[in-house]
């Protein structure tokens, strides 16, 4: 779990933006995974929530979306990520067909016939892996090398 200061550093959001987007008494777009436990206690964020915050920031910065209208879509995206391991997302992107539709996850190798806003997860996952204990996937050997007799 990551504290607010770590989320600010990883996402590029300001402290006030993070508080605005995640606090119940503010916009409450995407709440933290663990609410603050009183004065001086930090909210805690799981890597999946941080990933969704990064995607939301990209949607705002690149496409100038109205954040409040996307509340349900980004919450749906976070729910889709529950139980998905970090390494399984490296060759994926998410697509938002509209503000009211549920986002869809695709692999780069998959073909799709729908239009919408498409966000690659790779850049965000690289930033997360550099900032947390999660590692980028590496190539696994299929079988050990064996000497072949002549």
N, C-alpha and C. Protein backbone atom coordinates (compact mmCIF):
# COMPACT_ATOMS: atom_id res chain seq x y z
N UNK A 1 0.84 -1.18 0.00
CA UNK A 1 0.00 0.00 0.00
C UNK A 1 0.89 1.24 0.00
N UNK A 2 0.43 2.23 -0.72
CA UNK A 2 1.19 3.46 -0.89
C UNK A 2 0.49 4.61 -0.16
N UNK A 3 1.30 5.47 0.44
CA UNK A 3 0.76 6.65 1.11
C UNK A 3 0.57 7.76 0.08
N UNK A 4 -0.14 8.79 0.47
CA UNK A 4 -0.46 9.90 -0.43
C UNK A 4 0.78 10.53 -1.03
N UNK A 5 1.84 10.70 -0.24
CA UNK A 5 3.07 11.32 -0.75
C UNK A 5 3.67 10.49 -1.88
N UNK A 6 3.61 9.16 -1.75
CA UNK A 6 4.11 8.28 -2.82
C UNK A 6 3.24 8.39 -4.06
N UNK A 7 1.93 8.46 -3.88
CA UNK A 7 1.01 8.56 -5.01
C UNK A 7 1.23 9.87 -5.76
N UNK A 8 1.45 10.94 -5.03
CA UNK A 8 1.74 12.25 -5.65
C UNK A 8 3.01 12.16 -6.49
N UNK A 9 4.04 11.54 -5.94
CA UNK A 9 5.32 11.41 -6.65
C UNK A 9 5.18 10.55 -7.90
N UNK A 10 4.46 9.46 -7.82
CA UNK A 10 4.32 8.52 -8.94
C UNK A 10 3.41 9.08 -10.04
N UNK A 11 2.29 9.66 -9.66
CA UNK A 11 1.29 10.09 -10.64
C UNK A 11 1.56 11.45 -11.25
N UNK A 12 2.26 12.31 -10.52
CA UNK A 12 2.44 13.68 -10.99
C UNK A 12 1.30 14.59 -10.61
N UNK A 13 0.35 14.07 -9.85
CA UNK A 13 -0.72 14.91 -9.32
C UNK A 13 -0.18 15.77 -8.19
N UNK A 14 -0.78 16.92 -7.97
CA UNK A 14 -0.43 17.70 -6.79
C UNK A 14 -1.16 17.11 -5.59
N UNK A 15 -0.73 17.48 -4.39
CA UNK A 15 -1.42 17.00 -3.18
C UNK A 15 -2.89 17.43 -3.19
N UNK A 16 -3.13 18.68 -3.61
CA UNK A 16 -4.52 19.16 -3.61
C UNK A 16 -5.35 18.44 -4.68
N UNK A 17 -4.75 18.12 -5.84
CA UNK A 17 -5.49 17.35 -6.85
C UNK A 17 -5.84 15.97 -6.33
N UNK A 18 -4.87 15.29 -5.71
CA UNK A 18 -5.13 13.96 -5.17
C UNK A 18 -6.24 14.02 -4.13
N UNK A 19 -6.17 14.99 -3.25
CA UNK A 19 -7.20 15.14 -2.22
C UNK A 19 -8.56 15.44 -2.87
N UNK A 20 -8.56 16.29 -3.89
CA UNK A 20 -9.80 16.64 -4.59
C UNK A 20 -10.43 15.42 -5.26
N UNK A 21 -9.61 14.58 -5.87
CA UNK A 21 -10.12 13.43 -6.61
C UNK A 21 -10.53 12.28 -5.71
N UNK A 22 -9.93 12.17 -4.52
CA UNK A 22 -10.14 10.97 -3.71
C UNK A 22 -10.90 11.19 -2.40
N UNK A 23 -11.04 12.39 -1.95
CA UNK A 23 -11.68 12.63 -0.66
C UNK A 23 -13.20 12.60 -0.77
N UNK A 24 -13.83 12.03 0.23
CA UNK A 24 -15.31 11.94 0.25
C UNK A 24 -15.97 13.30 0.32
N UNK A 25 -15.33 14.24 1.01
CA UNK A 25 -15.93 15.56 1.15
C UNK A 25 -15.58 16.48 -0.02
N UNK A 26 -14.93 15.93 -1.03
CA UNK A 26 -14.60 16.68 -2.25
C UNK A 26 -15.30 16.02 -3.43
N UNK A 27 -14.62 15.81 -4.53
CA UNK A 27 -15.24 15.20 -5.72
C UNK A 27 -15.49 13.71 -5.58
N UNK A 28 -14.67 13.03 -4.79
CA UNK A 28 -14.87 11.59 -4.52
C UNK A 28 -14.96 10.77 -5.81
N UNK A 29 -14.05 11.04 -6.74
CA UNK A 29 -14.06 10.33 -8.02
C UNK A 29 -13.58 8.90 -7.84
N UNK A 30 -12.47 8.74 -7.14
CA UNK A 30 -11.91 7.40 -6.91
C UNK A 30 -11.37 7.35 -5.48
N UNK A 31 -12.12 6.79 -4.56
CA UNK A 31 -11.68 6.81 -3.16
C UNK A 31 -10.45 5.95 -2.93
N UNK A 32 -9.69 6.25 -1.89
CA UNK A 32 -8.52 5.43 -1.55
C UNK A 32 -8.97 4.04 -1.11
N UNK A 33 -8.04 3.11 -1.12
CA UNK A 33 -8.36 1.74 -0.69
C UNK A 33 -8.54 1.65 0.81
N UNK A 34 -7.79 2.46 1.55
CA UNK A 34 -7.94 2.54 3.00
C UNK A 34 -8.13 4.02 3.34
N UNK A 35 -9.30 4.33 3.89
CA UNK A 35 -9.59 5.71 4.25
C UNK A 35 -8.70 6.15 5.40
N UNK A 36 -8.40 7.46 5.48
CA UNK A 36 -7.60 7.94 6.60
C UNK A 36 -8.32 7.66 7.92
N UNK A 37 -7.55 7.24 8.90
CA UNK A 37 -8.13 6.86 10.19
C UNK A 37 -8.17 7.97 11.20
N UNK A 38 -8.37 9.20 10.78
CA UNK A 38 -8.43 10.32 11.69
C UNK A 38 -7.36 11.35 11.38
N UNK A 39 -7.26 12.34 12.24
CA UNK A 39 -6.30 13.42 12.05
C UNK A 39 -4.88 12.88 12.06
N UNK A 40 -4.11 13.27 11.05
CA UNK A 40 -2.72 12.84 10.96
C UNK A 40 -2.53 11.45 10.38
N UNK A 41 -3.60 10.78 10.05
CA UNK A 41 -3.52 9.45 9.45
C UNK A 41 -3.70 9.57 7.94
N UNK A 42 -2.83 8.92 7.19
CA UNK A 42 -2.87 8.99 5.74
C UNK A 42 -3.82 7.97 5.14
N UNK A 43 -4.40 8.34 4.02
CA UNK A 43 -5.13 7.37 3.20
C UNK A 43 -4.08 6.47 2.54
N UNK A 44 -4.46 5.24 2.25
CA UNK A 44 -3.55 4.30 1.60
C UNK A 44 -4.13 3.86 0.26
N UNK A 45 -3.24 3.66 -0.70
CA UNK A 45 -3.65 3.33 -2.06
C UNK A 45 -2.92 2.08 -2.52
N UNK A 46 -3.67 1.14 -3.08
CA UNK A 46 -3.12 -0.04 -3.70
C UNK A 46 -2.62 0.35 -5.09
N UNK A 47 -1.68 -0.44 -5.65
CA UNK A 47 -1.11 -0.10 -6.95
C UNK A 47 -2.18 -0.01 -8.04
N UNK A 48 -3.24 -0.79 -7.94
CA UNK A 48 -4.30 -0.75 -8.96
C UNK A 48 -5.01 0.60 -8.96
N UNK A 49 -5.24 1.13 -7.78
CA UNK A 49 -5.88 2.45 -7.67
C UNK A 49 -4.95 3.52 -8.20
N UNK A 50 -3.66 3.41 -7.92
CA UNK A 50 -2.69 4.37 -8.44
C UNK A 50 -2.66 4.30 -9.97
N UNK A 51 -2.71 3.11 -10.53
CA UNK A 51 -2.75 2.94 -11.98
C UNK A 51 -3.97 3.64 -12.57
N UNK A 52 -5.12 3.47 -11.95
CA UNK A 52 -6.34 4.11 -12.45
C UNK A 52 -6.24 5.63 -12.30
N UNK A 53 -5.64 6.11 -11.24
CA UNK A 53 -5.43 7.56 -11.10
C UNK A 53 -4.53 8.09 -12.21
N UNK A 54 -3.51 7.32 -12.58
CA UNK A 54 -2.62 7.73 -13.67
C UNK A 54 -3.38 7.78 -14.99
N UNK A 55 -4.25 6.81 -15.23
CA UNK A 55 -5.06 6.79 -16.44
C UNK A 55 -6.03 7.97 -16.44
N UNK A 56 -6.64 8.25 -15.30
CA UNK A 56 -7.55 9.38 -15.19
C UNK A 56 -6.82 10.69 -15.46
N UNK A 57 -5.61 10.82 -14.96
CA UNK A 57 -4.81 12.03 -15.21
C UNK A 57 -4.51 12.15 -16.70
N UNK A 58 -4.18 11.03 -17.36
CA UNK A 58 -3.93 11.08 -18.80
C UNK A 58 -5.19 11.48 -19.56
N UNK A 59 -6.34 10.95 -19.17
CA UNK A 59 -7.60 11.33 -19.81
C UNK A 59 -7.86 12.83 -19.66
N UNK A 60 -7.57 13.36 -18.49
CA UNK A 60 -7.78 14.79 -18.27
C UNK A 60 -6.77 15.63 -19.04
N UNK A 61 -5.49 15.24 -18.99
CA UNK A 61 -4.45 16.05 -19.62
C UNK A 61 -4.51 16.00 -21.15
N UNK A 62 -4.74 14.83 -21.72
CA UNK A 62 -4.72 14.67 -23.18
C UNK A 62 -6.06 14.96 -23.84
N UNK A 63 -7.14 14.56 -23.17
CA UNK A 63 -8.45 14.64 -23.81
C UNK A 63 -9.36 15.68 -23.14
N UNK A 64 -8.89 16.32 -22.07
CA UNK A 64 -9.61 17.40 -21.40
C UNK A 64 -11.02 16.99 -20.98
N UNK A 65 -11.11 15.80 -20.40
CA UNK A 65 -12.41 15.30 -19.97
C UNK A 65 -12.89 16.01 -18.71
N UNK A 66 -14.16 16.00 -18.47
CA UNK A 66 -14.73 16.48 -17.22
C UNK A 66 -14.69 15.32 -16.23
N UNK A 67 -13.88 15.44 -15.21
CA UNK A 67 -13.60 14.33 -14.30
C UNK A 67 -14.85 13.75 -13.64
N UNK A 68 -15.73 14.58 -13.18
CA UNK A 68 -16.90 14.10 -12.47
C UNK A 68 -17.77 13.17 -13.31
N UNK A 69 -17.82 13.41 -14.61
CA UNK A 69 -18.64 12.58 -15.49
C UNK A 69 -18.06 11.18 -15.65
N UNK A 70 -16.77 11.01 -15.36
CA UNK A 70 -16.09 9.73 -15.55
C UNK A 70 -15.99 8.92 -14.27
N UNK A 71 -16.62 9.38 -13.20
CA UNK A 71 -16.53 8.71 -11.90
C UNK A 71 -16.85 7.22 -12.00
N UNK A 72 -17.98 6.87 -12.58
CA UNK A 72 -18.37 5.46 -12.63
C UNK A 72 -17.45 4.65 -13.54
N UNK A 73 -17.01 5.22 -14.65
CA UNK A 73 -16.12 4.50 -15.57
C UNK A 73 -14.80 4.14 -14.92
N UNK A 74 -14.21 5.09 -14.18
CA UNK A 74 -12.92 4.78 -13.56
C UNK A 74 -13.08 3.83 -12.38
N UNK A 75 -14.20 3.90 -11.71
CA UNK A 75 -14.46 2.92 -10.65
C UNK A 75 -14.67 1.52 -11.23
N UNK A 76 -15.36 1.46 -12.37
CA UNK A 76 -15.53 0.18 -13.05
C UNK A 76 -14.18 -0.39 -13.48
N UNK A 77 -13.30 0.48 -13.97
CA UNK A 77 -11.97 0.03 -14.38
C UNK A 77 -11.21 -0.53 -13.19
N UNK A 78 -11.24 0.16 -12.07
CA UNK A 78 -10.56 -0.35 -10.88
C UNK A 78 -11.14 -1.69 -10.46
N UNK A 79 -12.44 -1.85 -10.52
CA UNK A 79 -13.06 -3.12 -10.17
C UNK A 79 -12.63 -4.24 -11.12
N UNK A 80 -12.45 -3.92 -12.40
CA UNK A 80 -11.99 -4.92 -13.36
C UNK A 80 -10.57 -5.39 -13.04
N UNK A 81 -9.78 -4.54 -12.42
CA UNK A 81 -8.39 -4.88 -12.12
C UNK A 81 -8.23 -5.72 -10.86
N UNK A 82 -9.28 -5.85 -10.06
CA UNK A 82 -9.20 -6.64 -8.84
C UNK A 82 -8.86 -8.08 -9.20
N UNK A 83 -7.83 -8.58 -8.58
CA UNK A 83 -7.40 -9.96 -8.80
C UNK A 83 -6.49 -10.14 -10.01
N UNK A 84 -6.29 -9.10 -10.80
CA UNK A 84 -5.39 -9.20 -11.96
C UNK A 84 -3.97 -8.92 -11.48
N UNK A 85 -3.03 -9.85 -11.72
CA UNK A 85 -1.67 -9.60 -11.28
C UNK A 85 -0.99 -8.51 -12.11
N UNK A 86 -0.06 -7.84 -11.49
CA UNK A 86 0.66 -6.72 -12.12
C UNK A 86 1.26 -7.13 -13.46
N UNK A 87 1.94 -8.25 -13.50
CA UNK A 87 2.64 -8.67 -14.72
C UNK A 87 1.69 -9.01 -15.87
N UNK A 88 0.43 -9.29 -15.57
CA UNK A 88 -0.52 -9.66 -16.62
C UNK A 88 -1.00 -8.46 -17.43
N UNK A 89 -0.70 -7.25 -16.98
CA UNK A 89 -1.20 -6.05 -17.65
C UNK A 89 -0.22 -5.43 -18.63
N UNK A 90 0.99 -5.96 -18.73
CA UNK A 90 2.04 -5.30 -19.52
C UNK A 90 1.71 -5.17 -20.99
N UNK A 91 1.00 -6.06 -21.57
CA UNK A 91 0.70 -5.93 -23.00
C UNK A 91 -0.77 -5.56 -23.22
N UNK A 92 -1.30 -4.75 -22.30
CA UNK A 92 -2.71 -4.40 -22.36
C UNK A 92 -2.93 -2.90 -22.52
N UNK A 93 -4.11 -2.58 -22.94
CA UNK A 93 -4.58 -1.20 -22.94
C UNK A 93 -6.05 -1.23 -22.57
N UNK A 94 -6.56 -0.09 -22.14
CA UNK A 94 -7.99 -0.02 -21.84
C UNK A 94 -8.63 0.95 -22.81
N UNK A 95 -9.87 0.68 -23.09
CA UNK A 95 -10.61 1.52 -24.02
C UNK A 95 -11.91 1.97 -23.38
N UNK A 96 -12.17 3.26 -23.51
CA UNK A 96 -13.41 3.84 -23.04
C UNK A 96 -14.23 4.19 -24.28
N UNK A 97 -15.33 3.46 -24.52
CA UNK A 97 -16.16 3.72 -25.70
C UNK A 97 -16.95 5.02 -25.53
N UNK A 98 -17.40 5.27 -24.31
CA UNK A 98 -18.10 6.52 -24.00
C UNK A 98 -17.99 6.75 -22.50
N UNK A 99 -18.42 7.90 -22.09
CA UNK A 99 -18.35 8.23 -20.67
C UNK A 99 -19.25 7.33 -19.83
N UNK A 100 -20.31 6.80 -20.44
CA UNK A 100 -21.26 5.99 -19.67
C UNK A 100 -21.05 4.49 -19.83
N UNK A 101 -20.15 4.08 -20.73
CA UNK A 101 -19.95 2.64 -20.92
C UNK A 101 -18.84 2.13 -20.02
N UNK A 102 -18.90 0.85 -19.74
CA UNK A 102 -17.86 0.23 -18.93
C UNK A 102 -16.60 0.09 -19.77
N UNK A 103 -15.44 0.48 -19.22
CA UNK A 103 -14.19 0.35 -19.99
C UNK A 103 -13.88 -1.12 -20.27
N UNK A 104 -13.16 -1.37 -21.35
CA UNK A 104 -12.78 -2.72 -21.73
C UNK A 104 -11.27 -2.83 -21.76
N UNK A 105 -10.78 -3.99 -21.33
CA UNK A 105 -9.35 -4.26 -21.37
C UNK A 105 -9.06 -5.15 -22.58
N UNK A 106 -8.01 -4.79 -23.32
CA UNK A 106 -7.59 -5.57 -24.48
C UNK A 106 -6.09 -5.82 -24.39
N UNK A 107 -5.65 -6.88 -25.05
CA UNK A 107 -4.23 -7.13 -25.24
C UNK A 107 -3.84 -6.50 -26.57
N UNK A 108 -2.56 -6.14 -26.70
CA UNK A 108 -2.10 -5.54 -27.95
C UNK A 108 -2.36 -6.45 -29.14
N UNK A 109 -2.31 -7.75 -28.93
CA UNK A 109 -2.48 -8.70 -30.02
C UNK A 109 -3.94 -8.86 -30.44
N UNK A 110 -4.88 -8.40 -29.63
CA UNK A 110 -6.30 -8.55 -29.95
C UNK A 110 -6.77 -7.47 -30.90
N UNK A 111 -7.66 -7.85 -31.78
CA UNK A 111 -8.29 -6.89 -32.67
C UNK A 111 -9.62 -6.47 -32.09
N UNK A 112 -9.92 -5.22 -32.25
CA UNK A 112 -11.23 -4.77 -31.81
C UNK A 112 -11.80 -3.83 -32.87
N UNK A 113 -13.11 -3.75 -32.92
CA UNK A 113 -13.78 -2.99 -33.97
C UNK A 113 -14.56 -1.80 -33.42
N UNK A 114 -14.20 -1.32 -32.29
CA UNK A 114 -14.95 -0.23 -31.69
C UNK A 114 -14.06 1.01 -31.61
N UNK A 115 -14.69 2.15 -31.66
CA UNK A 115 -13.94 3.39 -31.50
C UNK A 115 -14.10 3.88 -30.07
N UNK A 116 -13.20 4.72 -29.64
CA UNK A 116 -13.24 5.26 -28.29
C UNK A 116 -11.88 5.76 -27.88
N UNK A 117 -11.77 6.19 -26.66
CA UNK A 117 -10.49 6.62 -26.11
C UNK A 117 -9.72 5.40 -25.66
N UNK A 118 -8.50 5.25 -26.16
CA UNK A 118 -7.68 4.08 -25.86
C UNK A 118 -6.42 4.52 -25.15
N UNK A 119 -6.13 3.89 -24.02
CA UNK A 119 -4.98 4.23 -23.21
C UNK A 119 -4.11 2.98 -23.03
N UNK A 120 -2.86 3.08 -23.44
CA UNK A 120 -1.90 2.00 -23.21
C UNK A 120 -1.50 2.00 -21.74
N UNK A 121 -1.40 0.82 -21.16
CA UNK A 121 -1.02 0.74 -19.75
C UNK A 121 0.49 0.69 -19.54
N UNK A 122 1.25 0.40 -20.58
CA UNK A 122 2.67 0.13 -20.43
C UNK A 122 3.45 1.27 -19.77
N UNK A 123 3.26 2.49 -20.25
CA UNK A 123 4.00 3.63 -19.67
C UNK A 123 3.69 3.78 -18.18
N UNK A 124 2.44 3.63 -17.83
CA UNK A 124 2.03 3.76 -16.42
C UNK A 124 2.61 2.62 -15.58
N UNK A 125 2.63 1.43 -16.14
CA UNK A 125 3.18 0.28 -15.42
C UNK A 125 4.69 0.42 -15.22
N UNK A 126 5.37 0.99 -16.20
CA UNK A 126 6.82 1.24 -16.04
C UNK A 126 7.06 2.18 -14.87
N UNK A 127 6.30 3.27 -14.82
CA UNK A 127 6.45 4.21 -13.70
C UNK A 127 6.15 3.54 -12.36
N UNK A 128 5.11 2.72 -12.33
CA UNK A 128 4.77 2.01 -11.09
C UNK A 128 5.87 1.03 -10.70
N UNK A 129 6.40 0.30 -11.67
CA UNK A 129 7.42 -0.70 -11.33
C UNK A 129 8.70 -0.04 -10.85
N UNK A 130 9.02 1.13 -11.39
CA UNK A 130 10.21 1.86 -10.94
C UNK A 130 10.04 2.44 -9.54
N UNK A 131 8.81 2.66 -9.15
CA UNK A 131 8.52 3.32 -7.88
C UNK A 131 8.06 2.38 -6.77
N UNK A 132 7.78 1.13 -7.13
CA UNK A 132 7.28 0.18 -6.14
C UNK A 132 8.08 -1.11 -6.25
N UNK A 133 7.66 -2.10 -5.51
CA UNK A 133 8.34 -3.39 -5.51
C UNK A 133 7.97 -4.26 -6.70
N UNK A 134 7.02 -3.84 -7.51
CA UNK A 134 6.59 -4.64 -8.66
C UNK A 134 7.66 -4.58 -9.74
N UNK A 135 7.92 -5.70 -10.35
CA UNK A 135 8.95 -5.78 -11.37
C UNK A 135 8.35 -5.93 -12.75
N UNK A 136 9.08 -5.37 -13.71
CA UNK A 136 8.68 -5.56 -15.11
C UNK A 136 8.86 -7.03 -15.47
N UNK A 137 8.00 -7.54 -16.32
CA UNK A 137 8.15 -8.95 -16.69
C UNK A 137 9.43 -9.18 -17.47
N UNK A 138 9.99 -10.33 -17.31
CA UNK A 138 11.18 -10.68 -18.07
C UNK A 138 10.88 -11.95 -18.86
N UNK A 139 11.72 -12.24 -19.80
CA UNK A 139 11.53 -13.43 -20.63
C UNK A 139 11.88 -14.66 -19.81
N UNK A 140 10.98 -15.60 -19.77
CA UNK A 140 11.24 -16.86 -19.08
C UNK A 140 11.71 -17.89 -20.11
N UNK A 141 12.70 -18.69 -19.73
CA UNK A 141 13.12 -19.72 -20.65
C UNK A 141 12.09 -20.86 -20.63
N UNK A 142 11.87 -21.48 -21.76
CA UNK A 142 10.88 -22.54 -21.86
C UNK A 142 11.45 -23.86 -21.36
N UNK A 143 12.75 -24.05 -21.54
CA UNK A 143 13.40 -25.28 -21.10
C UNK A 143 14.88 -24.98 -20.92
N UNK A 144 15.55 -25.73 -20.07
CA UNK A 144 16.97 -25.47 -19.83
C UNK A 144 17.81 -25.86 -21.07
N UNK A 145 18.90 -25.14 -21.25
CA UNK A 145 19.81 -25.47 -22.34
C UNK A 145 20.49 -26.81 -22.03
N UNK A 146 20.58 -27.65 -23.03
CA UNK A 146 21.18 -28.98 -22.86
C UNK A 146 22.26 -29.15 -23.92
N UNK A 147 23.40 -29.67 -23.50
CA UNK A 147 24.49 -29.94 -24.46
C UNK A 147 24.08 -31.07 -25.39
N UNK A 148 24.33 -30.89 -26.67
CA UNK A 148 24.00 -31.92 -27.67
C UNK A 148 25.29 -32.65 -28.07
N UNK A 149 25.31 -33.98 -27.92
CA UNK A 149 26.53 -34.70 -28.30
C UNK A 149 26.75 -34.68 -29.81
N UNK A 150 28.04 -34.71 -30.21
CA UNK A 150 28.36 -34.69 -31.64
C UNK A 150 28.33 -36.07 -32.23
